[in-house]
Amino acid sequence: MNDIDAWVWWLVGAAALGIPLVVTAMPEFGMLAAGALAAAIAAGLGGDIVVQVLVFAVVSVALIAVVRPIATRHRSQRPQLVTGVDALKGKQAVVLERVDSAGGRIKLAGEVWSARSLDTGRAYEVGQEVDVVDIEGATAIVM
């Protein structure tokens, strides 16, 4: 065992930490692998075992402390490009057939949609502009 340099063991450790990164998609393993790579560099430059372990710990903890909050913030943000029915919410439409709580028809984004009024006591007449509040199935909820 003494025939193999310490930097090789650190590279083996980095590769071993890379496997669960790929299998589990947990970025923390990648940060630990980067710490092991940094320790391999420290070993290659002649640092003793205490320096190697300190480099591994400092780099790993620093990456986890810096990268993890950024990744969490990006994961929790809504996508910039809204598509599908979510893109239709908040748009204006024109009433084609009287819309009330029982139903009706509107023209929304160039297409004819079935619609119903959000307020059960309210009705919209032909030609009126309405705002799309929500989409339930193939029915636009308007007000």
C-alpha atoms as a PDB file:
ATOM      1  CA  MET A   1       0.000   0.000   0.000  1.00  0.00           C
ATOM      2  CA  ASN A   2       2.869   2.373   0.625  1.00  0.00           C
ATOM      3  CA  ASP A   3       3.930   2.027  -3.024  1.00  0.00           C
ATOM      4  CA  ILE A   4       0.977   4.148  -4.192  1.00  0.00           C
ATOM      5  CA  ASP A   5       1.215   7.898  -3.705  1.00  0.00           C
ATOM      6  CA  ALA A   6      -1.413   9.691  -1.623  1.00  0.00           C
ATOM      7  CA  TRP A   7      -2.627  11.748  -4.586  1.00  0.00           C
ATOM      8  CA  VAL A   8      -3.684   8.538  -6.350  1.00  0.00           C
ATOM      9  CA  TRP A   9      -5.807   7.546  -3.349  1.00  0.00           C
ATOM     10  CA  TRP A  10      -7.459  10.964  -3.416  1.00  0.00           C
ATOM     11  CA  LEU A  11      -8.243  10.510  -7.123  1.00  0.00           C
ATOM     12  CA  VAL A  12      -9.727   7.080  -6.377  1.00  0.00           C
ATOM     13  CA  GLY A  13     -11.805   8.719  -3.644  1.00  0.00           C
ATOM     14  CA  ALA A  14     -12.965  11.440  -6.056  1.00  0.00           C
ATOM     15  CA  ALA A  15     -14.013   8.798  -8.589  1.00  0.00           C
ATOM     16  CA  ALA A  16     -15.778   6.832  -5.865  1.00  0.00           C
ATOM     17  CA  LEU A  17     -17.717   9.983  -4.884  1.00  0.00           C
ATOM     18  CA  GLY A  18     -18.553  10.621  -8.537  1.00  0.00           C
ATOM     19  CA  ILE A  19     -20.420   7.321  -8.849  1.00  0.00           C
ATOM     20  CA  PRO A  20     -23.188   8.172  -6.345  1.00  0.00           C
ATOM     21  CA  LEU A  21     -23.354  11.648  -7.907  1.00  0.00           C
ATOM     22  CA  VAL A  22     -24.333  10.095 -11.223  1.00  0.00           C
ATOM     23  CA  VAL A  23     -26.593   7.425  -9.718  1.00  0.00           C
ATOM     24  CA  THR A  24     -28.492   9.617  -7.229  1.00  0.00           C
ATOM     25  CA  ALA A  25     -28.141  13.044  -8.886  1.00  0.00           C
ATOM     26  CA  MET A  26     -27.235  14.528  -5.495  1.00  0.00           C
ATOM     27  CA  PRO A  27     -24.875  17.448  -6.191  1.00  0.00           C
ATOM     28  CA  GLU A  28     -23.331  17.177  -2.725  1.00  0.00           C
ATOM     29  CA  PHE A  29     -21.375  14.116  -3.901  1.00  0.00           C
ATOM     30  CA  GLY A  30     -19.922  16.194  -6.720  1.00  0.00           C
ATOM     31  CA  MET A  31     -18.805  18.837  -4.247  1.00  0.00           C
ATOM     32  CA  LEU A  32     -17.133  16.194  -2.089  1.00  0.00           C
ATOM     33  CA  ALA A  33     -15.469  14.782  -5.218  1.00  0.00           C
ATOM     34  CA  ALA A  34     -14.139  18.261  -6.013  1.00  0.00           C
ATOM     35  CA  GLY A  35     -12.758  18.433  -2.471  1.00  0.00           C
ATOM     36  CA  ALA A  36     -11.009  15.102  -3.047  1.00  0.00           C
ATOM     37  CA  LEU A  37      -9.520  16.438  -6.290  1.00  0.00           C
ATOM     38  CA  ALA A  38      -8.220  19.488  -4.422  1.00  0.00           C
ATOM     39  CA  ALA A  39      -6.685  17.179  -1.793  1.00  0.00           C
ATOM     40  CA  ALA A  40      -5.054  15.164  -4.596  1.00  0.00           C
ATOM     41  CA  ILE A  41      -3.465  18.378  -5.875  1.00  0.00           C
ATOM     42  CA  ALA A  42      -2.270  19.209  -2.350  1.00  0.00           C
ATOM     43  CA  ALA A  43      -0.771  15.715  -2.054  1.00  0.00           C
ATOM     44  CA  GLY A  44       0.867  16.053  -5.469  1.00  0.00           C
ATOM     45  CA  LEU A  45       2.465  19.317  -4.350  1.00  0.00           C
ATOM     46  CA  GLY A  46       3.949  17.564  -1.326  1.00  0.00           C
ATOM     47  CA  GLY A  47       1.497  18.467   1.433  1.00  0.00           C
ATOM     48  CA  ASP A  48       1.364  16.065   4.368  1.00  0.00           C
ATOM     49  CA  ILE A  49      -1.780  14.157   5.376  1.00  0.00           C
ATOM     50  CA  VAL A  50      -3.000  16.923   7.718  1.00  0.00           C
ATOM     51  CA  VAL A  51      -2.823  19.484   4.891  1.00  0.00           C
ATOM     52  CA  GLN A  52      -4.557  17.084   2.504  1.00  0.00           C
ATOM     53  CA  VAL A  53      -7.441  16.423   4.896  1.00  0.00           C
ATOM     54  CA  LEU A  54      -7.787  20.149   5.665  1.00  0.00           C
ATOM     55  CA  VAL A  55      -7.863  21.014   1.940  1.00  0.00           C
ATOM     56  CA  PHE A  56     -10.486  18.303   1.373  1.00  0.00           C
ATOM     57  CA  ALA A  57     -12.641  19.577   4.265  1.00  0.00           C
ATOM     58  CA  VAL A  58     -12.320  23.287   3.438  1.00  0.00           C
ATOM     59  CA  VAL A  59     -13.018  22.899  -0.297  1.00  0.00           C
ATOM     60  CA  SER A  60     -15.935  20.496   0.260  1.00  0.00           C
ATOM     61  CA  VAL A  61     -17.589  22.640   2.941  1.00  0.00           C
ATOM     62  CA  ALA A  62     -17.009  25.847   0.949  1.00  0.00           C
ATOM     63  CA  LEU A  63     -18.592  24.351  -2.162  1.00  0.00           C
ATOM     64  CA  ILE A  64     -21.567  23.036  -0.211  1.00  0.00           C
ATOM     65  CA  ALA A  65     -21.982  26.394   1.573  1.00  0.00           C
ATOM     66  CA  VAL A  66     -21.807  28.414  -1.658  1.00  0.00           C
ATOM     67  CA  VAL A  67     -23.236  26.214  -4.407  1.00  0.00           C
ATOM     68  CA  ARG A  68     -26.097  24.515  -2.546  1.00  0.00           C
ATOM     69  CA  PRO A  69     -28.048  27.728  -1.708  1.00  0.00           C
ATOM     70  CA  ILE A  70     -27.655  28.916  -5.303  1.00  0.00           C
ATOM     71  CA  ALA A  71     -28.940  25.591  -6.630  1.00  0.00           C
ATOM     72  CA  THR A  72     -31.870  25.642  -4.194  1.00  0.00           C
ATOM     73  CA  ARG A  73     -32.781  29.176  -5.272  1.00  0.00           C
ATOM     74  CA  HIS A  74     -32.714  28.213  -8.954  1.00  0.00           C
ATOM     75  CA  ARG A  75     -34.796  25.113  -8.307  1.00  0.00           C
ATOM     76  CA  SER A  76     -37.505  27.094  -6.488  1.00  0.00           C
ATOM     77  CA  GLN A  77     -37.825  29.835  -9.142  1.00  0.00           C
ATOM     78  CA  ARG A  78     -40.634  29.626 -11.640  1.00  0.00           C
ATOM     79  CA  PRO A  79     -39.541  29.115 -15.202  1.00  0.00           C
ATOM     80  CA  GLN A  80     -39.088  32.334 -17.184  1.00  0.00           C
ATOM     81  CA  LEU A  81     -40.957  30.985 -20.201  1.00  0.00           C
ATOM     82  CA  VAL A  82     -44.564  30.079 -19.439  1.00  0.00           C
ATOM     83  CA  THR A  83     -46.159  27.673 -21.897  1.00  0.00           C
ATOM     84  CA  GLY A  84     -49.394  25.760 -22.395  1.00  0.00           C
ATOM     85  CA  VAL A  85     -52.514  26.779 -20.521  1.00  0.00           C
ATOM     86  CA  ASP A  86     -50.418  28.666 -17.955  1.00  0.00           C
ATOM     87  CA  ALA A  87     -49.522  31.143 -20.723  1.00  0.00           C
ATOM     88  CA  LEU A  88     -53.232  31.867 -21.272  1.00  0.00           C
ATOM     89  CA  LYS A  89     -53.976  32.862 -17.674  1.00  0.00           C
ATOM     90  CA  GLY A  90     -54.270  36.631 -17.404  1.00  0.00           C
ATOM     91  CA  LYS A  91     -54.958  37.100 -21.132  1.00  0.00           C
ATOM     92  CA  GLN A  92     -57.960  38.948 -22.513  1.00  0.00           C
ATOM     93  CA  ALA A  93     -60.604  37.245 -24.615  1.00  0.00           C
ATOM     94  CA  VAL A  94     -63.701  38.313 -26.550  1.00  0.00           C
ATOM     95  CA  VAL A  95     -67.093  36.790 -25.789  1.00  0.00           C
ATOM     96  CA  LEU A  96     -68.573  34.957 -28.812  1.00  0.00           C
ATOM     97  CA  GLU A  97     -71.635  33.483 -27.058  1.00  0.00           C
ATOM     98  CA  ARG A  98     -73.072  34.746 -23.784  1.00  0.00           C
ATOM     99  CA  VAL A  99     -70.899  33.577 -20.859  1.00  0.00           C
ATOM    100  CA  ASP A 100     -72.380  32.953 -17.420  1.00  0.00           C
ATOM    101  CA  SER A 101     -71.896  30.403 -14.653  1.00  0.00           C
ATOM    102  CA  ALA A 102     -73.462  27.708 -16.885  1.00  0.00           C
ATOM    103  CA  GLY A 103     -71.075  28.280 -19.778  1.00  0.00           C
ATOM    104  CA  GLY A 104     -70.539  30.100 -23.055  1.00  0.00           C
ATOM    105  CA  ARG A 105     -67.882  30.644 -25.727  1.00  0.00           C
ATOM    106  CA  ILE A 106     -64.945  33.030 -26.022  1.00  0.00           C
ATOM    107  CA  LYS A 107     -62.189  33.700 -28.523  1.00  0.00           C
ATOM    108  CA  LEU A 108     -58.866  33.356 -26.734  1.00  0.00           C
ATOM    109  CA  ALA A 109     -55.484  33.551 -28.477  1.00  0.00           C
ATOM    110  CA  GLY A 110     -57.129  33.028 -31.856  1.00  0.00           C
ATOM    111  CA  GLU A 111     -59.029  29.921 -30.769  1.00  0.00           C
ATOM    112  CA  VAL A 112     -62.589  29.325 -29.652  1.00  0.00           C
ATOM    113  CA  TRP A 113     -62.826  28.139 -26.047  1.00  0.00           C
ATOM    114  CA  SER A 114     -65.693  27.125 -23.836  1.00  0.00           C
ATOM    115  CA  ALA A 115     -65.892  29.432 -20.858  1.00  0.00           C
ATOM    116  CA  ARG A 116     -67.788  30.125 -17.688  1.00  0.00           C
ATOM    117  CA  SER A 117     -67.992  33.075 -15.370  1.00  0.00           C
ATOM    118  CA  LEU A 118     -65.963  33.100 -12.156  1.00  0.00           C
ATOM    119  CA  ASP A 119     -68.743  35.036 -10.437  1.00  0.00           C
ATOM    120  CA  THR A 120     -71.889  32.879 -10.521  1.00  0.00           C
ATOM    121  CA  GLY A 121     -74.143  35.940 -10.588  1.00  0.00           C
ATOM    122  CA  ARG A 122     -72.369  37.641 -13.482  1.00  0.00           C
ATOM    123  CA  ALA A 123     -72.950  37.239 -17.224  1.00  0.00           C
ATOM    124  CA  TYR A 124     -70.944  38.627 -20.152  1.00  0.00           C
ATOM    125  CA  GLU A 125     -72.559  39.481 -23.461  1.00  0.00           C
ATOM    126  CA  VAL A 126     -71.298  38.989 -27.039  1.00  0.00           C
ATOM    127  CA  GLY A 127     -68.461  41.366 -27.925  1.00  0.00           C
ATOM    128  CA  GLN A 128     -67.410  42.099 -24.346  1.00  0.00           C
ATOM    129  CA  GLU A 129     -63.768  41.662 -23.371  1.00  0.00           C
ATOM    130  CA  VAL A 130     -63.099  39.394 -20.402  1.00  0.00           C
ATOM    131  CA  ASP A 131     -59.985  38.392 -18.488  1.00  0.00           C
ATOM    132  CA  VAL A 132     -59.031  34.721 -18.216  1.00  0.00           C
ATOM    133  CA  VAL A 133     -58.502  33.885 -14.563  1.00  0.00           C
ATOM    134  CA  ASP A 134     -57.925  30.134 -14.808  1.00  0.00           C
ATOM    135  CA  ILE A 135     -58.221  27.160 -17.126  1.00  0.00           C
ATOM    136  CA  GLU A 136     -60.019  24.038 -15.894  1.00  0.00           C
ATOM    137  CA  GLY A 137     -59.685  21.265 -18.426  1.00  0.00           C
ATOM    138  CA  ALA A 138     -60.874  22.798 -21.699  1.00  0.00           C
ATOM    139  CA  THR A 139     -62.892  25.555 -20.038  1.00  0.00           C
ATOM    140  CA  ALA A 140     -61.642  29.067 -19.410  1.00  0.00           C
ATOM    141  CA  ILE A 141     -62.785  30.735 -16.194  1.00  0.00           C
ATOM    142  CA  VAL A 142     -63.344  34.427 -16.906  1.00  0.00           C
ATOM    143  CA  MET A 143     -64.244  37.664 -15.195  1.00  0.00           C
END
